[in-house]
N, C-alpha and C. Protein backbone atom coordinates (compact mmCIF):
# COMPACT_ATOMS: atom_id res chain seq x y z
N UNK A 1 278.28 4.34 166.55
CA UNK A 1 277.01 4.00 167.12
C UNK A 1 276.31 5.31 167.52
N UNK A 2 275.06 5.50 167.08
CA UNK A 2 274.34 6.74 167.40
C UNK A 2 273.94 6.78 168.87
N UNK A 3 273.86 8.00 169.38
CA UNK A 3 273.45 8.18 170.77
C UNK A 3 271.94 8.01 170.89
N UNK A 4 271.50 7.48 172.02
CA UNK A 4 270.04 7.34 172.20
C UNK A 4 269.40 8.72 172.35
N UNK A 5 268.18 8.83 171.89
CA UNK A 5 267.46 10.09 171.97
C UNK A 5 267.08 10.38 173.41
N UNK A 6 267.28 11.65 173.79
CA UNK A 6 266.92 12.08 175.14
C UNK A 6 265.47 12.53 175.20
N UNK A 7 264.95 13.01 174.08
CA UNK A 7 263.60 13.56 174.05
C UNK A 7 262.78 12.83 172.99
N UNK A 8 261.50 12.71 173.27
CA UNK A 8 260.62 11.96 172.38
C UNK A 8 260.36 12.69 171.07
N UNK A 9 260.41 14.02 171.10
CA UNK A 9 260.11 14.79 169.89
C UNK A 9 260.88 16.10 169.91
N UNK A 10 260.94 16.77 168.76
CA UNK A 10 261.58 18.09 168.75
C UNK A 10 260.88 19.09 169.69
N UNK A 11 259.58 18.95 169.84
CA UNK A 11 258.85 19.84 170.74
C UNK A 11 259.28 19.61 172.19
N UNK A 12 259.48 18.36 172.56
CA UNK A 12 259.93 18.05 173.92
C UNK A 12 261.35 18.57 174.15
N UNK A 13 262.19 18.46 173.12
CA UNK A 13 263.56 18.98 173.23
C UNK A 13 263.53 20.49 173.41
N UNK A 14 262.68 21.18 172.64
CA UNK A 14 262.56 22.63 172.75
C UNK A 14 262.01 23.03 174.13
N UNK A 15 261.04 22.29 174.64
CA UNK A 15 260.49 22.59 175.96
C UNK A 15 261.55 22.42 177.05
N UNK A 16 262.38 21.38 176.93
CA UNK A 16 263.45 21.18 177.91
C UNK A 16 264.47 22.32 177.83
N UNK A 17 264.79 22.77 176.61
CA UNK A 17 265.71 23.89 176.45
C UNK A 17 265.15 25.15 177.09
N UNK A 18 263.89 25.44 176.84
CA UNK A 18 263.28 26.64 177.42
C UNK A 18 263.26 26.59 178.95
N UNK A 19 263.00 25.42 179.50
CA UNK A 19 263.00 25.28 180.96
C UNK A 19 264.41 25.51 181.52
N UNK A 20 265.44 24.94 180.86
CA UNK A 20 266.82 25.18 181.31
C UNK A 20 267.20 26.65 181.19
N UNK A 21 266.79 27.26 180.10
CA UNK A 21 267.10 28.67 179.87
C UNK A 21 266.44 29.56 180.94
N UNK A 22 265.20 29.31 181.25
CA UNK A 22 264.48 30.08 182.27
C UNK A 22 265.09 29.87 183.65
N UNK A 23 265.49 28.65 183.95
CA UNK A 23 266.12 28.36 185.23
C UNK A 23 267.44 29.11 185.35
N UNK A 24 268.22 29.15 184.28
CA UNK A 24 269.50 29.88 184.30
C UNK A 24 269.26 31.37 184.49
N UNK A 25 268.22 31.92 183.87
CA UNK A 25 267.90 33.34 184.02
C UNK A 25 267.50 33.66 185.46
N UNK A 26 266.70 32.81 186.06
CA UNK A 26 266.27 33.02 187.44
C UNK A 26 267.45 32.92 188.40
N UNK A 27 268.36 32.00 188.14
CA UNK A 27 269.55 31.88 188.99
C UNK A 27 270.44 33.12 188.87
N UNK A 28 270.55 33.67 187.66
CA UNK A 28 271.34 34.89 187.47
C UNK A 28 270.72 36.06 188.22
N UNK A 29 269.40 36.19 188.18
CA UNK A 29 268.72 37.25 188.92
C UNK A 29 268.91 37.07 190.42
N UNK A 30 268.81 35.84 190.89
CA UNK A 30 268.97 35.58 192.31
C UNK A 30 270.40 35.89 192.76
N UNK A 31 271.38 35.61 191.91
CA UNK A 31 272.77 35.89 192.26
C UNK A 31 273.00 37.39 192.39
N UNK A 32 272.26 38.18 191.63
CA UNK A 32 272.40 39.63 191.72
C UNK A 32 271.57 40.21 192.86
N UNK A 33 270.74 39.39 193.47
CA UNK A 33 269.92 39.86 194.58
C UNK A 33 268.68 40.62 194.13
N UNK A 34 268.28 40.44 192.88
CA UNK A 34 267.12 41.17 192.37
C UNK A 34 265.89 40.27 192.38
N UNK A 35 264.74 40.84 192.75
CA UNK A 35 263.52 40.05 192.67
C UNK A 35 263.12 39.87 191.21
N UNK A 36 262.37 38.83 190.92
CA UNK A 36 261.96 38.59 189.54
C UNK A 36 260.89 39.59 189.12
N UNK A 37 260.76 39.77 187.81
CA UNK A 37 259.75 40.66 187.28
C UNK A 37 258.37 40.05 187.48
N UNK A 38 257.33 40.88 187.56
CA UNK A 38 255.98 40.34 187.72
C UNK A 38 255.56 39.55 186.49
N UNK A 39 254.67 38.59 186.68
CA UNK A 39 254.22 37.75 185.58
C UNK A 39 253.32 38.52 184.61
N UNK A 40 252.55 39.47 185.11
CA UNK A 40 251.67 40.25 184.27
C UNK A 40 252.49 41.35 183.62
N UNK A 41 252.51 41.39 182.29
CA UNK A 41 253.37 42.33 181.57
C UNK A 41 252.99 43.79 181.81
N UNK A 42 251.74 44.04 182.15
CA UNK A 42 251.31 45.43 182.36
C UNK A 42 251.69 45.96 183.74
N UNK A 43 252.10 45.07 184.67
CA UNK A 43 252.52 45.51 186.00
C UNK A 43 253.97 45.94 185.96
N UNK A 44 254.28 47.13 186.47
CA UNK A 44 255.69 47.55 186.48
C UNK A 44 256.48 46.75 187.51
N UNK A 45 257.74 46.60 187.24
CA UNK A 45 258.62 45.87 188.15
C UNK A 45 259.35 46.82 189.07
N UNK A 46 258.60 47.71 189.77
CA UNK A 46 259.23 48.74 190.60
C UNK A 46 260.14 48.20 191.69
N UNK A 47 259.79 47.13 192.37
CA UNK A 47 260.74 46.62 193.37
C UNK A 47 262.07 46.23 192.74
N UNK A 48 262.00 45.62 191.56
CA UNK A 48 263.21 45.22 190.86
C UNK A 48 263.99 46.45 190.41
N UNK A 49 263.29 47.43 189.84
CA UNK A 49 263.96 48.63 189.35
C UNK A 49 264.56 49.43 190.49
N UNK A 50 263.83 49.52 191.60
CA UNK A 50 264.36 50.25 192.76
C UNK A 50 265.61 49.56 193.30
N UNK A 51 265.61 48.23 193.32
CA UNK A 51 266.80 47.51 193.77
C UNK A 51 267.98 47.81 192.84
N UNK A 52 267.72 47.88 191.55
CA UNK A 52 268.78 48.21 190.60
C UNK A 52 269.27 49.63 190.81
N UNK A 53 268.35 50.56 191.03
CA UNK A 53 268.74 51.95 191.27
C UNK A 53 269.56 52.07 192.55
N UNK A 54 269.17 51.33 193.60
CA UNK A 54 269.93 51.36 194.86
C UNK A 54 271.35 50.82 194.65
N UNK A 55 271.46 49.74 193.89
CA UNK A 55 272.78 49.17 193.63
C UNK A 55 273.64 50.15 192.84
N UNK A 56 273.05 50.80 191.83
CA UNK A 56 273.79 51.79 191.04
C UNK A 56 274.18 52.98 191.92
N UNK A 57 273.27 53.41 192.79
CA UNK A 57 273.55 54.53 193.69
C UNK A 57 274.73 54.19 194.60
N UNK A 58 274.73 53.00 195.17
CA UNK A 58 275.83 52.59 196.06
C UNK A 58 277.15 52.52 195.30
N UNK A 59 277.11 52.00 194.08
CA UNK A 59 278.33 51.88 193.27
C UNK A 59 278.88 53.26 192.92
N UNK A 60 278.03 54.17 192.48
CA UNK A 60 278.49 55.51 192.12
C UNK A 60 278.94 56.27 193.36
N UNK A 61 278.25 56.06 194.48
CA UNK A 61 278.65 56.72 195.73
C UNK A 61 280.06 56.30 196.13
N UNK A 62 280.37 55.01 196.02
CA UNK A 62 281.72 54.57 196.37
C UNK A 62 282.75 55.13 195.39
N UNK A 63 282.38 55.25 194.11
CA UNK A 63 283.30 55.83 193.12
C UNK A 63 283.56 57.30 193.42
N UNK A 64 282.51 58.04 193.79
CA UNK A 64 282.67 59.46 194.12
C UNK A 64 283.57 59.62 195.35
N UNK A 65 283.36 58.77 196.34
CA UNK A 65 284.21 58.83 197.54
C UNK A 65 285.67 58.54 197.21
N UNK A 66 285.91 57.54 196.35
CA UNK A 66 287.27 57.23 195.94
C UNK A 66 287.88 58.39 195.15
N UNK A 67 287.09 58.99 194.28
CA UNK A 67 287.59 60.13 193.50
C UNK A 67 287.95 61.29 194.41
N UNK A 68 287.13 61.54 195.42
CA UNK A 68 287.40 62.65 196.33
C UNK A 68 288.64 62.35 197.19
N UNK A 69 288.78 61.11 197.63
CA UNK A 69 289.98 60.73 198.38
C UNK A 69 291.23 60.89 197.53
N UNK A 70 291.13 60.50 196.26
CA UNK A 70 292.26 60.66 195.34
C UNK A 70 292.64 62.13 195.23
N UNK A 71 291.65 62.98 195.10
CA UNK A 71 291.89 64.43 194.97
C UNK A 71 292.55 64.97 196.25
N UNK A 72 292.02 64.54 197.40
CA UNK A 72 292.55 65.04 198.67
C UNK A 72 293.99 64.59 198.93
N UNK A 73 294.38 63.43 198.38
CA UNK A 73 295.73 62.92 198.59
C UNK A 73 296.78 63.60 197.70
N UNK A 74 296.34 64.32 196.68
CA UNK A 74 297.28 64.99 195.77
C UNK A 74 297.79 66.28 196.39
N UNK A 75 298.89 66.75 195.86
CA UNK A 75 299.49 67.99 196.36
C UNK A 75 298.61 69.19 196.02
N UNK A 76 298.83 70.25 196.75
CA UNK A 76 298.04 71.46 196.51
C UNK A 76 298.31 72.01 195.12
N UNK A 77 299.55 71.87 194.64
CA UNK A 77 299.87 72.33 193.29
C UNK A 77 299.08 71.54 192.25
N UNK A 78 298.95 70.22 192.46
CA UNK A 78 298.17 69.41 191.52
C UNK A 78 296.69 69.79 191.58
N UNK A 79 296.18 70.00 192.79
CA UNK A 79 294.77 70.35 192.95
C UNK A 79 294.44 71.66 192.23
N UNK A 80 295.38 72.59 192.21
CA UNK A 80 295.14 73.87 191.56
C UNK A 80 295.46 73.84 190.07
N UNK A 81 296.07 72.75 189.61
CA UNK A 81 296.41 72.66 188.19
C UNK A 81 295.17 72.37 187.35
N UNK A 82 295.36 72.37 186.04
CA UNK A 82 294.25 72.10 185.12
C UNK A 82 293.71 70.69 185.32
N UNK A 83 294.62 69.73 185.56
CA UNK A 83 294.18 68.35 185.78
C UNK A 83 293.35 68.22 187.05
N UNK A 84 293.74 68.92 188.08
CA UNK A 84 292.98 68.90 189.32
C UNK A 84 291.60 69.50 189.14
N UNK A 85 291.52 70.60 188.39
CA UNK A 85 290.22 71.22 188.13
C UNK A 85 289.33 70.31 187.28
N UNK A 86 289.93 69.65 186.27
CA UNK A 86 289.16 68.69 185.46
C UNK A 86 288.64 67.54 186.33
N UNK A 87 289.48 67.11 187.24
CA UNK A 87 289.08 66.02 188.14
C UNK A 87 287.88 66.45 188.98
N UNK A 88 287.93 67.65 189.51
CA UNK A 88 286.83 68.14 190.34
C UNK A 88 285.56 68.31 189.51
N UNK A 89 285.68 68.68 188.24
CA UNK A 89 284.51 68.77 187.37
C UNK A 89 283.87 67.40 187.18
N UNK A 90 284.71 66.37 187.03
CA UNK A 90 284.19 65.01 186.90
C UNK A 90 283.53 64.54 188.19
N UNK A 91 284.12 64.91 189.31
CA UNK A 91 283.51 64.56 190.60
C UNK A 91 282.14 65.22 190.71
N UNK A 92 282.06 66.49 190.30
CA UNK A 92 280.78 67.21 190.36
C UNK A 92 279.75 66.55 189.44
N UNK A 93 280.17 66.10 188.26
CA UNK A 93 279.25 65.41 187.35
C UNK A 93 278.76 64.11 187.96
N UNK A 94 279.67 63.36 188.56
CA UNK A 94 279.27 62.10 189.19
C UNK A 94 278.33 62.34 190.36
N UNK A 95 278.56 63.43 191.12
CA UNK A 95 277.65 63.76 192.22
C UNK A 95 276.27 64.14 191.70
N UNK A 96 276.21 64.79 190.53
CA UNK A 96 274.91 65.12 189.94
C UNK A 96 274.16 63.84 189.55
N UNK A 97 274.88 62.87 189.01
CA UNK A 97 274.26 61.58 188.67
C UNK A 97 273.78 60.90 189.94
N UNK A 98 274.57 60.98 190.98
CA UNK A 98 274.21 60.38 192.26
C UNK A 98 272.94 61.00 192.81
N UNK A 99 272.84 62.31 192.71
CA UNK A 99 271.63 63.00 193.19
C UNK A 99 270.41 62.61 192.37
N UNK A 100 270.58 62.49 191.04
CA UNK A 100 269.46 62.09 190.19
C UNK A 100 269.01 60.67 190.52
N UNK A 101 269.95 59.78 190.78
CA UNK A 101 269.59 58.41 191.17
C UNK A 101 268.87 58.41 192.51
N UNK A 102 269.31 59.26 193.42
CA UNK A 102 268.66 59.35 194.72
C UNK A 102 267.20 59.74 194.61
N UNK A 103 266.89 60.57 193.62
CA UNK A 103 265.48 60.98 193.40
C UNK A 103 264.65 59.84 192.83
N UNK A 104 265.28 58.90 192.11
CA UNK A 104 264.55 57.78 191.53
C UNK A 104 264.19 56.71 192.55
N UNK A 105 265.01 56.60 193.58
CA UNK A 105 264.80 55.55 194.56
C UNK A 105 263.60 55.90 195.44
N UNK A 106 262.68 54.98 195.47
CA UNK A 106 261.45 55.21 196.25
C UNK A 106 261.56 54.62 197.62
């Protein structure tokens, strides 16, 4: 036995799909704590982008702190070894990224 039709036409089915898809996208943005983009395409979404930059800054900042704690917990011999120096170079690179993100945040 065939199932009854939920939509009167293919256009109505497509409209219902688009509405569900848009609702799911808005829920995903809300779950991330980001404001929605402006409706006018020519307006920049600076509040949204700044929120993203702040989240990235916080994430990288916590990673840099963890990396530095890891370095501090190692022995002095390890810190002076090649691996310790490579680790510090990576920490310095991450700090440079952190500084660049800090300049983007308005």
